[in-house]
Amino acid sequence: MTRCAVFGSGSWGTAFAMVLADAGCEVTLWGRRPELAEAVNRTRINADYLPGVELPAGVTATTDPAAAADGAAFAVLAVPSQTLRGNLAAWTPLLAPDTVLVSLMKGIELGTAMRMSEVIAEVSAADPARVAVVSGPNLAPEIANRQPAASVVACADEEVARRLQSACHTGYFRPYTNTDVVGCELGGAVKNVIALAVGMAEGMGLGDNTKASLITRGLAETTRLGLAMGADPHTFAGLAGMGDLVATCSSPLSRNHTFGINLGRGMTLEETVAATSQTAEGVKSCESVLDLAGRFGVEMPITEAVVDVVHNGKPTRLVLKELMARSAKAER
């Protein structure tokens, strides 16, 4: 039986632990809080993040990272992206040299503008063939309720991607393999920023034309950056691109979409953060995505607009007016 460690007991980490167990793996879920681990082991429910969802018997919880890492063929990383570097530095000595490191995180590191797989490789000194990512339209509550969903498992080594595919393939979770790690990670990171913009539009009372325009032009921004970074443009038309973007920009389950709605309704950043119980990755990643775009000389006006609202305090209506006043140009 394949042993897996999932580091991070939030909603997506817990849901993916369930997927792995349903696929036949033995899973240890690591979390910081003893009371959460104890509750999972006693009741089979992570009430803080997935209330009412009973976890399979194949999932156990612990606060001991060494116990989680012991014998793990896959170490799944599901912590907030800006905390990855510090956490992984502590966990790396506990992992076997052949453990595959799997990122569930969808962000770009502040300061370095590194993708999560790059942070993993740098901190752990792992070969890129030992680093994989999972990305796609994966709203955790729906997956935890075993609703049908598809995703992408990407790794530079296609054989490793196939091994991970087998480890998480269930009757309700259908993973496809890909070797375009860059494209899959960019799709996952930038869609959070675009979801903030779409949420702001909804919060301002704007309709479907506006939201569809933001989604479509947001995908164009993502693709431009991806091409500059060597990604396969076809990735952005797939599950890790358009699929994830549509789900995150349209679902009330999306933290970034909901965060944007509150900003669009006139709440301040501080008020919106206080009203948000879980991490909205796009709030911090919008700055690092814009930094990354600058490093590659790529224009990303929607991302820039989100940064202006979230971090520079510009009113949403002023930012919208500035976006609409941009010079006219050909679509391609």
C-alpha atoms as a PDB file:
ATOM      1  CA  MET A   1       0.000   0.000   0.000  1.00  0.00           C
ATOM      2  CA  THR A   2       1.329   3.452  -0.945  1.00  0.00           C
ATOM      3  CA  ARG A   3       2.128   5.668   2.062  1.00  0.00           C
ATOM      4  CA  CYS A   4       1.390   9.380   1.703  1.00  0.00           C
ATOM      5  CA  ALA A   5       1.952  12.348   3.992  1.00  0.00           C
ATOM      6  CA  VAL A   6      -0.209  15.451   3.622  1.00  0.00           C
ATOM      7  CA  PHE A   7       1.312  18.499   5.311  1.00  0.00           C
ATOM      8  CA  GLY A   8      -1.520  20.934   5.916  1.00  0.00           C
ATOM      9  CA  SER A   9      -4.922  20.144   7.411  1.00  0.00           C
ATOM     10  CA  GLY A  10      -6.936  22.959   5.843  1.00  0.00           C
ATOM     11  CA  SER A  11      -9.840  22.277   3.509  1.00  0.00           C
ATOM     12  CA  TRP A  12      -7.857  21.344   0.390  1.00  0.00           C
ATOM     13  CA  GLY A  13      -5.205  19.348   2.233  1.00  0.00           C
ATOM     14  CA  THR A  14      -7.902  17.393   4.060  1.00  0.00           C
ATOM     15  CA  ALA A  15      -9.960  16.838   0.897  1.00  0.00           C
ATOM     16  CA  PHE A  16      -6.896  15.605  -1.003  1.00  0.00           C
ATOM     17  CA  ALA A  17      -6.012  13.280   1.871  1.00  0.00           C
ATOM     18  CA  MET A  18      -9.487  11.820   1.447  1.00  0.00           C
ATOM     19  CA  VAL A  19      -8.922  11.398  -2.307  1.00  0.00           C
ATOM     20  CA  LEU A  20      -5.635   9.572  -1.698  1.00  0.00           C
ATOM     21  CA  ALA A  21      -7.265   7.257   0.872  1.00  0.00           C
ATOM     22  CA  ASP A  22     -10.207   6.549  -1.432  1.00  0.00           C
ATOM     23  CA  ALA A  23      -7.656   5.631  -4.116  1.00  0.00           C
ATOM     24  CA  GLY A  24      -6.176   3.017  -1.773  1.00  0.00           C
ATOM     25  CA  CYS A  25      -3.322   4.905  -0.136  1.00  0.00           C
ATOM     26  CA  GLU A  26      -2.460   4.994   3.562  1.00  0.00           C
ATOM     27  CA  VAL A  27      -2.466   8.690   4.486  1.00  0.00           C
ATOM     28  CA  THR A  28      -1.143  10.641   7.457  1.00  0.00           C
ATOM     29  CA  LEU A  29      -2.474  14.181   7.699  1.00  0.00           C
ATOM     30  CA  TRP A  30      -0.213  16.640   9.515  1.00  0.00           C
ATOM     31  CA  GLY A  31      -1.600  19.710  11.281  1.00  0.00           C
ATOM     32  CA  ARG A  32      -0.283  22.237  13.782  1.00  0.00           C
ATOM     33  CA  ARG A  33      -3.093  21.991  16.329  1.00  0.00           C
ATOM     34  CA  PRO A  34      -3.338  18.962  18.630  1.00  0.00           C
ATOM     35  CA  GLU A  35      -7.076  19.415  19.136  1.00  0.00           C
ATOM     36  CA  LEU A  36      -7.712  19.205  15.386  1.00  0.00           C
ATOM     37  CA  ALA A  37      -5.596  16.050  14.974  1.00  0.00           C
ATOM     38  CA  GLU A  38      -7.279  14.457  17.981  1.00  0.00           C
ATOM     39  CA  ALA A  39     -10.733  15.283  16.629  1.00  0.00           C
ATOM     40  CA  VAL A  40      -9.922  13.806  13.206  1.00  0.00           C
ATOM     41  CA  ASN A  41      -8.691  10.570  14.775  1.00  0.00           C
ATOM     42  CA  ARG A  42     -11.614  10.324  17.188  1.00  0.00           C
ATOM     43  CA  THR A  43     -14.553  11.505  15.032  1.00  0.00           C
ATOM     44  CA  ARG A  44     -13.172  11.091  11.466  1.00  0.00           C
ATOM     45  CA  ILE A  45     -14.240  14.721  10.812  1.00  0.00           C
ATOM     46  CA  ASN A  46     -12.218  17.924  10.370  1.00  0.00           C
ATOM     47  CA  ALA A  47     -15.003  20.140  11.650  1.00  0.00           C
ATOM     48  CA  ASP A  48     -13.012  23.375  11.315  1.00  0.00           C
ATOM     49  CA  TYR A  49     -12.556  23.068   7.545  1.00  0.00           C
ATOM     50  CA  LEU A  50     -14.888  20.359   6.186  1.00  0.00           C
ATOM     51  CA  PRO A  51     -17.762  20.096   8.665  1.00  0.00           C
ATOM     52  CA  GLY A  52     -19.970  17.060   8.258  1.00  0.00           C
ATOM     53  CA  VAL A  53     -17.559  15.230   5.935  1.00  0.00           C
ATOM     54  CA  GLU A  54     -16.495  11.841   7.300  1.00  0.00           C
ATOM     55  CA  LEU A  55     -12.947  10.925   6.334  1.00  0.00           C
ATOM     56  CA  PRO A  56     -12.055   7.374   5.236  1.00  0.00           C
ATOM     57  CA  ALA A  57     -10.395   4.972   7.652  1.00  0.00           C
ATOM     58  CA  GLY A  58      -7.203   5.281   5.627  1.00  0.00           C
ATOM     59  CA  VAL A  59      -6.620   8.814   6.956  1.00  0.00           C
ATOM     60  CA  THR A  60      -5.008   9.418  10.346  1.00  0.00           C
ATOM     61  CA  ALA A  61      -3.866  12.750  11.758  1.00  0.00           C
ATOM     62  CA  THR A  62      -0.807  13.849  13.716  1.00  0.00           C
ATOM     63  CA  THR A  63       1.048  16.940  14.859  1.00  0.00           C
ATOM     64  CA  ASP A  64       4.390  15.150  14.519  1.00  0.00           C
ATOM     65  CA  PRO A  65       5.934  15.847  11.095  1.00  0.00           C
ATOM     66  CA  ALA A  66       8.399  12.961  11.506  1.00  0.00           C
ATOM     67  CA  ALA A  67       5.529  10.516  12.007  1.00  0.00           C
ATOM     68  CA  ALA A  68       3.787  11.892   8.924  1.00  0.00           C
ATOM     69  CA  ALA A  69       6.931  11.682   6.784  1.00  0.00           C
ATOM     70  CA  ASP A  70       7.918   8.171   7.863  1.00  0.00           C
ATOM     71  CA  GLY A  71       7.901   5.868   4.823  1.00  0.00           C
ATOM     72  CA  ALA A  72       5.967   8.326   2.640  1.00  0.00           C
ATOM     73  CA  ALA A  73       6.267   7.784  -1.116  1.00  0.00           C
ATOM     74  CA  PHE A  74       4.533  11.136  -1.654  1.00  0.00           C
ATOM     75  CA  ALA A  75       4.792  14.202   0.603  1.00  0.00           C
ATOM     76  CA  VAL A  76       1.892  16.471  -0.304  1.00  0.00           C
ATOM     77  CA  LEU A  77       2.386  20.130   0.637  1.00  0.00           C
ATOM     78  CA  ALA A  78      -0.841  22.022   1.333  1.00  0.00           C
ATOM     79  CA  VAL A  79       0.170  25.023   3.445  1.00  0.00           C
ATOM     80  CA  PRO A  80      -0.293  28.724   2.563  1.00  0.00           C
ATOM     81  CA  SER A  81       2.214  29.510  -0.178  1.00  0.00           C
ATOM     82  CA  GLN A  82       4.005  32.268   1.732  1.00  0.00           C
ATOM     83  CA  THR A  83       4.758  29.865   4.612  1.00  0.00           C
ATOM     84  CA  LEU A  84       6.141  27.063   2.435  1.00  0.00           C
ATOM     85  CA  ARG A  85       9.828  27.974   2.606  1.00  0.00           C
ATOM     86  CA  GLY A  86      10.057  28.025   6.409  1.00  0.00           C
ATOM     87  CA  ASN A  87       7.938  24.920   6.878  1.00  0.00           C
ATOM     88  CA  LEU A  88       9.725  22.842   4.253  1.00  0.00           C
ATOM     89  CA  ALA A  89      13.128  23.719   5.679  1.00  0.00           C
ATOM     90  CA  ALA A  90      12.040  21.989   8.895  1.00  0.00           C
ATOM     91  CA  TRP A  91      10.435  19.006   7.145  1.00  0.00           C
ATOM     92  CA  THR A  92      13.103  18.230   4.518  1.00  0.00           C
ATOM     93  CA  PRO A  93      15.465  16.328   6.879  1.00  0.00           C
ATOM     94  CA  LEU A  94      12.562  14.033   7.800  1.00  0.00           C
ATOM     95  CA  LEU A  95      11.844  12.934   4.230  1.00  0.00           C
ATOM     96  CA  ALA A  96      13.432  10.012   2.388  1.00  0.00           C
ATOM     97  CA  PRO A  97      15.691  10.906  -0.568  1.00  0.00           C
ATOM     98  CA  ASP A  98      13.240   9.366  -3.038  1.00  0.00           C
ATOM     99  CA  THR A  99      10.036  10.887  -1.633  1.00  0.00           C
ATOM    100  CA  VAL A 100       8.110  12.762  -4.331  1.00  0.00           C
ATOM    101  CA  LEU A 101       7.222  16.297  -3.201  1.00  0.00           C
ATOM    102  CA  VAL A 102       3.752  17.301  -4.378  1.00  0.00           C
ATOM    103  CA  SER A 103       2.530  20.901  -4.328  1.00  0.00           C
ATOM    104  CA  LEU A 104      -1.164  21.674  -3.885  1.00  0.00           C
ATOM    105  CA  MET A 105      -0.344  25.363  -3.442  1.00  0.00           C
ATOM    106  CA  LYS A 106      -1.355  28.035  -5.943  1.00  0.00           C
ATOM    107  CA  GLY A 107       0.804  31.069  -5.344  1.00  0.00           C
ATOM    108  CA  ILE A 108       4.022  32.906  -6.203  1.00  0.00           C
ATOM    109  CA  GLU A 109       6.498  33.636  -3.410  1.00  0.00           C
ATOM    110  CA  LEU A 110       6.799  37.268  -2.362  1.00  0.00           C
ATOM    111  CA  GLY A 111      10.246  38.766  -2.826  1.00  0.00           C
ATOM    112  CA  THR A 112      11.674  35.995  -4.998  1.00  0.00           C
ATOM    113  CA  ALA A 113       8.758  35.693  -7.480  1.00  0.00           C
ATOM    114  CA  MET A 114       9.422  31.947  -7.437  1.00  0.00           C
ATOM    115  CA  ARG A 115       6.806  29.354  -8.266  1.00  0.00           C
ATOM    116  CA  MET A 116       6.064  26.831  -5.543  1.00  0.00           C
ATOM    117  CA  SER A 117       7.916  24.010  -7.311  1.00  0.00           C
ATOM    118  CA  GLU A 118      10.965  26.259  -7.535  1.00  0.00           C
ATOM    119  CA  VAL A 119      10.799  26.973  -3.808  1.00  0.00           C
ATOM    120  CA  ILE A 120      10.463  23.245  -3.124  1.00  0.00           C
ATOM    121  CA  ALA A 121      13.463  22.395  -5.312  1.00  0.00           C
ATOM    122  CA  GLU A 122      15.600  25.120  -3.762  1.00  0.00           C
ATOM    123  CA  VAL A 123      14.782  24.321  -0.133  1.00  0.00           C
ATOM    124  CA  SER A 124      14.871  20.534  -0.437  1.00  0.00           C
ATOM    125  CA  ALA A 125      17.605  20.303  -3.098  1.00  0.00           C
ATOM    126  CA  ALA A 126      15.301  17.841  -4.883  1.00  0.00           C
ATOM    127  CA  ASP A 127      15.746  17.170  -8.573  1.00  0.00           C
ATOM    128  CA  PRO A 128      12.839  18.620 -10.633  1.00  0.00           C
ATOM    129  CA  ALA A 129      11.920  15.032 -11.522  1.00  0.00           C
ATOM    130  CA  ARG A 130      10.996  14.563  -7.851  1.00  0.00           C
ATOM    131  CA  VAL A 131       8.713  17.614  -7.651  1.00  0.00           C
ATOM    132  CA  ALA A 132       5.098  17.478  -8.864  1.00  0.00           C
ATOM    133  CA  VAL A 133       2.095  19.795  -8.761  1.00  0.00           C
ATOM    134  CA  VAL A 134      -1.658  19.237  -8.692  1.00  0.00           C
ATOM    135  CA  SER A 135      -3.812  21.920 -10.276  1.00  0.00           C
ATOM    136  CA  GLY A 136      -7.279  22.300 -11.735  1.00  0.00           C
ATOM    137  CA  PRO A 137     -10.868  23.202 -10.797  1.00  0.00           C
ATOM    138  CA  ASN A 138     -10.589  21.700  -7.326  1.00  0.00           C
ATOM    139  CA  LEU A 139     -12.983  23.434  -4.934  1.00  0.00           C
ATOM    140  CA  ALA A 140     -12.379  21.440  -1.767  1.00  0.00           C
ATOM    141  CA  PRO A 141     -15.957  21.165  -0.401  1.00  0.00           C
ATOM    142  CA  GLU A 142     -17.227  19.684  -3.677  1.00  0.00           C
ATOM    143  CA  ILE A 143     -14.411  17.142  -3.844  1.00  0.00           C
ATOM    144  CA  ALA A 144     -14.924  16.273  -0.173  1.00  0.00           C
ATOM    145  CA  ASN A 145     -18.538  15.498  -1.082  1.00  0.00           C
ATOM    146  CA  ARG A 146     -17.180  13.200  -3.821  1.00  0.00           C
ATOM    147  CA  GLN A 147     -18.677  15.225  -6.664  1.00  0.00           C
ATOM    148  CA  PRO A 148     -17.038  14.403 -10.034  1.00  0.00           C
ATOM    149  CA  ALA A 149     -13.989  16.536 -10.787  1.00  0.00           C
ATOM    150  CA  ALA A 150     -10.912  16.419 -13.003  1.00  0.00           C
ATOM    151  CA  SER A 151      -7.453  17.774 -12.384  1.00  0.00           C
ATOM    152  CA  VAL A 152      -3.894  17.815 -13.701  1.00  0.00           C
ATOM    153  CA  VAL A 153      -0.863  16.184 -12.074  1.00  0.00           C
ATOM    154  CA  ALA A 154       2.259  17.701 -13.577  1.00  0.00           C
ATOM    155  CA  CYS A 155       5.896  16.709 -13.282  1.00  0.00           C
ATOM    156  CA  ALA A 156       8.962  17.065 -15.489  1.00  0.00           C
ATOM    157  CA  ASP A 157       9.286  13.276 -15.234  1.00  0.00           C
ATOM    158  CA  GLU A 158       6.282  11.721 -16.959  1.00  0.00           C
ATOM    159  CA  GLU A 159       6.698   8.437 -15.090  1.00  0.00           C
ATOM    160  CA  VAL A 160       6.481  10.240 -11.732  1.00  0.00           C
ATOM    161  CA  ALA A 161       3.348  12.036 -12.984  1.00  0.00           C
ATOM    162  CA  ARG A 162       1.812   8.657 -13.868  1.00  0.00           C
ATOM    163  CA  ARG A 163       2.652   7.283 -10.402  1.00  0.00           C
ATOM    164  CA  LEU A 164       0.946  10.248  -8.763  1.00  0.00           C
ATOM    165  CA  GLN A 165      -1.990   9.903 -11.154  1.00  0.00           C
ATOM    166  CA  SER A 166      -2.463   6.321 -10.008  1.00  0.00           C
ATOM    167  CA  ALA A 167      -2.190   7.299  -6.341  1.00  0.00           C
ATOM    168  CA  CYS A 168      -5.079   9.802  -6.553  1.00  0.00           C
ATOM    169  CA  HIS A 169      -7.374   8.336  -9.230  1.00  0.00           C
ATOM    170  CA  THR A 170     -10.828   7.543  -7.866  1.00  0.00           C
ATOM    171  CA  GLY A 171     -14.330   7.149  -9.226  1.00  0.00           C
ATOM    172  CA  TYR A 172     -14.989  10.855  -8.631  1.00  0.00           C
ATOM    173  CA  PHE A 173     -11.504  12.389  -9.044  1.00  0.00           C
ATOM    174  CA  ARG A 174     -10.010  12.040 -12.524  1.00  0.00           C
ATOM    175  CA  PRO A 175      -6.365  13.238 -12.830  1.00  0.00           C
ATOM    176  CA  TYR A 176      -4.659  13.850 -16.178  1.00  0.00           C
ATOM    177  CA  THR A 177      -0.861  13.917 -16.517  1.00  0.00           C
ATOM    178  CA  ASN A 178       1.163  16.808 -17.911  1.00  0.00           C
ATOM    179  CA  THR A 179       4.861  17.676 -18.060  1.00  0.00           C
ATOM    180  CA  ASP A 180       4.275  21.460 -18.260  1.00  0.00           C
ATOM    181  CA  VAL A 181       4.885  22.332 -14.623  1.00  0.00           C
ATOM    182  CA  VAL A 182       5.395  26.044 -15.419  1.00  0.00           C
ATOM    183  CA  GLY A 183       2.051  26.395 -17.181  1.00  0.00           C
ATOM    184  CA  CYS A 184       0.106  24.452 -14.570  1.00  0.00           C
ATOM    185  CA  GLU A 185       1.534  26.508 -11.718  1.00  0.00           C
ATOM    186  CA  LEU A 186       1.003  29.844 -13.455  1.00  0.00           C
ATOM    187  CA  GLY A 187      -2.598  28.960 -14.251  1.00  0.00           C
ATOM    188  CA  GLY A 188      -3.215  28.132 -10.597  1.00  0.00           C
ATOM    189  CA  ALA A 189      -1.533  31.258  -9.248  1.00  0.00           C
ATOM    190  CA  VAL A 190      -2.853  33.910 -11.624  1.00  0.00           C
ATOM    191  CA  LYS A 191      -6.449  32.658 -11.565  1.00  0.00           C
ATOM    192  CA  ASN A 192      -6.634  33.690  -7.895  1.00  0.00           C
ATOM    193  CA  VAL A 193      -5.770  37.258  -8.892  1.00  0.00           C
ATOM    194  CA  ILE A 194      -8.332  37.306 -11.691  1.00  0.00           C
ATOM    195  CA  ALA A 195     -10.936  35.867  -9.297  1.00  0.00           C
ATOM    196  CA  LEU A 196     -10.374  38.865  -7.022  1.00  0.00           C
ATOM    197  CA  ALA A 197     -11.091  41.176  -9.972  1.00  0.00           C
ATOM    198  CA  VAL A 198     -14.233  39.251 -10.960  1.00  0.00           C
ATOM    199  CA  GLY A 199     -15.401  39.278  -7.354  1.00  0.00           C
ATOM    200  CA  MET A 200     -14.882  43.045  -7.168  1.00  0.00           C
ATOM    201  CA  ALA A 201     -17.011  43.482 -10.290  1.00  0.00           C
ATOM    202  CA  GLU A 202     -19.777  41.366  -8.764  1.00  0.00           C
ATOM    203  CA  GLY A 203     -19.559  43.297  -5.499  1.00  0.00           C
ATOM    204  CA  MET A 204     -19.980  46.532  -7.471  1.00  0.00           C
ATOM    205  CA  GLY A 205     -23.206  45.165  -8.941  1.00  0.00           C
ATOM    206  CA  LEU A 206     -21.840  44.637 -12.440  1.00  0.00           C
ATOM    207  CA  GLY A 207     -23.167  41.874 -14.663  1.00  0.00           C
ATOM    208  CA  ASP A 208     -22.068  38.865 -16.651  1.00  0.00           C
ATOM    209  CA  ASN A 209     -20.615  40.800 -19.587  1.00  0.00           C
ATOM    210  CA  THR A 210     -18.122  42.477 -17.264  1.00  0.00           C
ATOM    211  CA  LYS A 211     -17.248  39.241 -15.493  1.00  0.00           C
ATOM    212  CA  ALA A 212     -16.835  37.296 -18.744  1.00  0.00           C
ATOM    213  CA  SER A 213     -14.607  40.038 -20.103  1.00  0.00           C
ATOM    214  CA  LEU A 214     -12.384  39.921 -17.019  1.00  0.00           C
ATOM    215  CA  ILE A 215     -12.156  36.123 -17.140  1.00  0.00           C
ATOM    216  CA  THR A 216     -11.259  36.096 -20.841  1.00  0.00           C
ATOM    217  CA  ARG A 217      -8.735  38.931 -20.695  1.00  0.00           C
ATOM    218  CA  GLY A 218      -7.373  37.457 -17.483  1.00  0.00           C
ATOM    219  CA  LEU A 219      -6.684  34.238 -19.345  1.00  0.00           C
ATOM    220  CA  ALA A 220      -4.933  36.284 -22.041  1.00  0.00           C
ATOM    221  CA  GLU A 221      -2.693  37.844 -19.373  1.00  0.00           C
ATOM    222  CA  THR A 222      -1.872  34.442 -17.927  1.00  0.00           C
ATOM    223  CA  THR A 223      -1.062  33.004 -21.349  1.00  0.00           C
ATOM    224  CA  ARG A 224       1.213  35.938 -22.249  1.00  0.00           C
ATOM    225  CA  LEU A 225       3.207  35.445 -19.082  1.00  0.00           C
ATOM    226  CA  GLY A 226       3.284  31.683 -19.571  1.00  0.00           C
ATOM    227  CA  LEU A 227       4.631  31.991 -23.113  1.00  0.00           C
ATOM    228  CA  ALA A 228       7.343  34.359 -21.917  1.00  0.00           C
ATOM    229  CA  MET A 229       8.337  31.769 -19.303  1.00  0.00           C
ATOM    230  CA  GLY A 230       8.395  28.843 -21.729  1.00  0.00           C
ATOM    231  CA  ALA A 231       5.057  27.232 -20.865  1.00  0.00           C
ATOM    232  CA  ASP A 232       2.974  25.283 -23.375  1.00  0.00           C
ATOM    233  CA  PRO A 233       0.104  27.552 -24.518  1.00  0.00           C
ATOM    234  CA  HIS A 234      -2.227  24.537 -24.723  1.00  0.00           C
ATOM    235  CA  THR A 235      -2.006  24.184 -20.931  1.00  0.00           C
ATOM    236  CA  PHE A 236      -3.985  27.387 -20.490  1.00  0.00           C
ATOM    237  CA  ALA A 237      -6.900  26.011 -22.512  1.00  0.00           C
ATOM    238  CA  GLY A 238      -7.053  22.969 -20.227  1.00  0.00           C
ATOM    239  CA  LEU A 239      -8.010  22.081 -16.671  1.00  0.00           C
ATOM    240  CA  ALA A 240      -5.109  23.911 -15.008  1.00  0.00           C
ATOM    241  CA  GLY A 241      -5.860  27.019 -17.063  1.00  0.00           C
ATOM    242  CA  MET A 242      -9.402  27.750 -18.191  1.00  0.00           C
ATOM    243  CA  GLY A 243     -10.927  25.040 -15.992  1.00  0.00           C
ATOM    244  CA  ASP A 244      -9.476  26.365 -12.755  1.00  0.00           C
ATOM    245  CA  LEU A 245     -10.074  29.981 -13.798  1.00  0.00           C
ATOM    246  CA  VAL A 246     -13.784  29.474 -14.472  1.00  0.00           C
ATOM    247  CA  ALA A 247     -14.375  27.594 -11.214  1.00  0.00           C
ATOM    248  CA  THR A 248     -12.505  30.103  -9.072  1.00  0.00           C
ATOM    249  CA  CYS A 249     -14.052  33.164 -10.723  1.00  0.00           C
ATOM    250  CA  SER A 250     -17.640  31.930 -10.575  1.00  0.00           C
ATOM    251  CA  SER A 251     -18.125  29.847  -7.433  1.00  0.00           C
ATOM    252  CA  PRO A 252     -19.312  31.165  -4.054  1.00  0.00           C
ATOM    253  CA  LEU A 253     -16.979  28.496  -2.594  1.00  0.00           C
ATOM    254  CA  SER A 254     -13.970  30.396  -3.948  1.00  0.00           C
ATOM    255  CA  ARG A 255     -12.189  32.354  -1.213  1.00  0.00           C
ATOM    256  CA  ASN A 256     -10.633  34.798  -3.698  1.00  0.00           C
ATOM    257  CA  HIS A 257     -13.951  35.441  -5.449  1.00  0.00           C
ATOM    258  CA  THR A 258     -15.664  36.078  -2.101  1.00  0.00           C
ATOM    259  CA  PHE A 259     -12.804  38.311  -0.940  1.00  0.00           C
ATOM    260  CA  GLY A 260     -13.173  40.362  -4.123  1.00  0.00           C
ATOM    261  CA  ILE A 261     -16.938  40.699  -3.648  1.00  0.00           C
ATOM    262  CA  ASN A 262     -16.391  42.228  -0.212  1.00  0.00           C
ATOM    263  CA  LEU A 263     -13.855  44.691  -1.613  1.00  0.00           C
ATOM    264  CA  GLY A 264     -16.257  45.601  -4.409  1.00  0.00           C
ATOM    265  CA  ARG A 265     -18.972  46.298  -1.858  1.00  0.00           C
ATOM    266  CA  GLY A 266     -16.741  48.899  -0.264  1.00  0.00           C
ATOM    267  CA  MET A 267     -15.154  46.987   2.610  1.00  0.00           C
ATOM    268  CA  THR A 268     -11.558  47.931   3.398  1.00  0.00           C
ATOM    269  CA  LEU A 269      -8.743  45.408   3.078  1.00  0.00           C
ATOM    270  CA  GLU A 270      -8.558  45.108   6.869  1.00  0.00           C
ATOM    271  CA  GLU A 271     -12.321  44.549   7.177  1.00  0.00           C
ATOM    272  CA  THR A 272     -12.253  41.936   4.423  1.00  0.00           C
ATOM    273  CA  VAL A 273      -9.309  40.081   5.961  1.00  0.00           C
ATOM    274  CA  ALA A 274     -11.109  40.053   9.324  1.00  0.00           C
ATOM    275  CA  ALA A 275     -14.215  38.572   7.666  1.00  0.00           C
ATOM    276  CA  THR A 276     -12.232  35.824   5.891  1.00  0.00           C
ATOM    277  CA  SER A 277     -11.580  32.624   7.831  1.00  0.00           C
ATOM    278  CA  GLN A 278      -9.179  31.003   5.336  1.00  0.00           C
ATOM    279  CA  THR A 279      -6.295  32.197   3.187  1.00  0.00           C
ATOM    280  CA  ALA A 280      -7.198  33.935  -0.086  1.00  0.00           C
ATOM    281  CA  GLU A 281      -3.919  33.306  -1.903  1.00  0.00           C
ATOM    282  CA  GLY A 282      -4.460  36.021  -4.504  1.00  0.00           C
ATOM    283  CA  VAL A 283      -4.303  38.783  -1.890  1.00  0.00           C
ATOM    284  CA  LYS A 284      -0.569  38.335  -1.420  1.00  0.00           C
ATOM    285  CA  SER A 285       0.227  36.632  -4.716  1.00  0.00           C
ATOM    286  CA  CYS A 286      -1.096  39.533  -6.813  1.00  0.00           C
ATOM    287  CA  GLU A 287       2.033  41.492  -5.859  1.00  0.00           C
ATOM    288  CA  SER A 288       4.384  38.621  -6.648  1.00  0.00           C
ATOM    289  CA  VAL A 289       2.586  37.847  -9.932  1.00  0.00           C
ATOM    290  CA  LEU A 290       3.012  41.487 -10.968  1.00  0.00           C
ATOM    291  CA  ASP A 291       6.671  41.302  -9.907  1.00  0.00           C
ATOM    292  CA  LEU A 292       7.103  38.153 -12.022  1.00  0.00           C
ATOM    293  CA  ALA A 293       5.452  39.846 -15.014  1.00  0.00           C
ATOM    294  CA  GLY A 294       7.833  42.800 -14.664  1.00  0.00           C
ATOM    295  CA  ARG A 295      10.837  40.484 -14.656  1.00  0.00           C
ATOM    296  CA  PHE A 296       9.682  38.985 -17.962  1.00  0.00           C
ATOM    297  CA  GLY A 297       8.531  42.274 -19.490  1.00  0.00           C
ATOM    298  CA  VAL A 298       4.888  41.175 -19.738  1.00  0.00           C
ATOM    299  CA  GLU A 299       1.998  43.633 -19.429  1.00  0.00           C
ATOM    300  CA  MET A 300      -0.766  42.457 -17.048  1.00  0.00           C
ATOM    301  CA  PRO A 301      -3.269  45.314 -16.611  1.00  0.00           C
ATOM    302  CA  ILE A 302      -5.904  43.348 -14.654  1.00  0.00           C
ATOM    303  CA  THR A 303      -3.288  42.083 -12.222  1.00  0.00           C
ATOM    304  CA  GLU A 304      -1.965  45.624 -11.859  1.00  0.00           C
ATOM    305  CA  ALA A 305      -5.499  46.875 -11.170  1.00  0.00           C
ATOM    306  CA  VAL A 306      -5.974  44.256  -8.429  1.00  0.00           C
ATOM    307  CA  VAL A 307      -2.704  45.320  -6.781  1.00  0.00           C
ATOM    308  CA  ASP A 308      -3.867  48.953  -6.924  1.00  0.00           C
ATOM    309  CA  VAL A 309      -7.070  48.099  -5.061  1.00  0.00           C
ATOM    310  CA  VAL A 310      -5.733  45.545  -2.593  1.00  0.00           C
ATOM    311  CA  HIS A 311      -2.391  47.086  -1.699  1.00  0.00           C
ATOM    312  CA  ASN A 312      -2.444  50.698  -2.887  1.00  0.00           C
ATOM    313  CA  GLY A 313      -5.926  51.579  -1.608  1.00  0.00           C
ATOM    314  CA  LYS A 314      -7.384  52.746  -4.919  1.00  0.00           C
ATOM    315  CA  PRO A 315     -11.204  52.726  -5.137  1.00  0.00           C
ATOM    316  CA  THR A 316     -12.575  49.889  -7.254  1.00  0.00           C
ATOM    317  CA  ARG A 317     -14.604  52.212  -9.490  1.00  0.00           C
ATOM    318  CA  LEU A 318     -11.550  54.353 -10.271  1.00  0.00           C
ATOM    319  CA  VAL A 319      -9.523  51.286 -11.183  1.00  0.00           C
ATOM    320  CA  LEU A 320     -12.336  50.025 -13.428  1.00  0.00           C
ATOM    321  CA  LYS A 321     -12.516  53.403 -15.166  1.00  0.00           C
ATOM    322  CA  GLU A 322      -8.750  53.311 -15.767  1.00  0.00           C
ATOM    323  CA  LEU A 323      -8.955  49.795 -17.211  1.00  0.00           C
ATOM    324  CA  MET A 324     -11.721  50.807 -19.618  1.00  0.00           C
ATOM    325  CA  ALA A 325      -9.780  53.930 -20.682  1.00  0.00           C
ATOM    326  CA  ARG A 326      -6.803  51.927 -21.928  1.00  0.00           C
ATOM    327  CA  SER A 327      -5.998  52.433 -25.615  1.00  0.00           C
ATOM    328  CA  ALA A 328      -7.891  50.256 -28.083  1.00  0.00           C
ATOM    329  CA  LYS A 329      -5.963  47.440 -29.763  1.00  0.00           C
ATOM    330  CA  ALA A 330      -6.336  44.191 -31.695  1.00  0.00           C
ATOM    331  CA  GLU A 331      -7.355  41.153 -29.642  1.00  0.00           C
ATOM    332  CA  ARG A 332      -4.330  39.177 -30.871  1.00  0.00           C
END
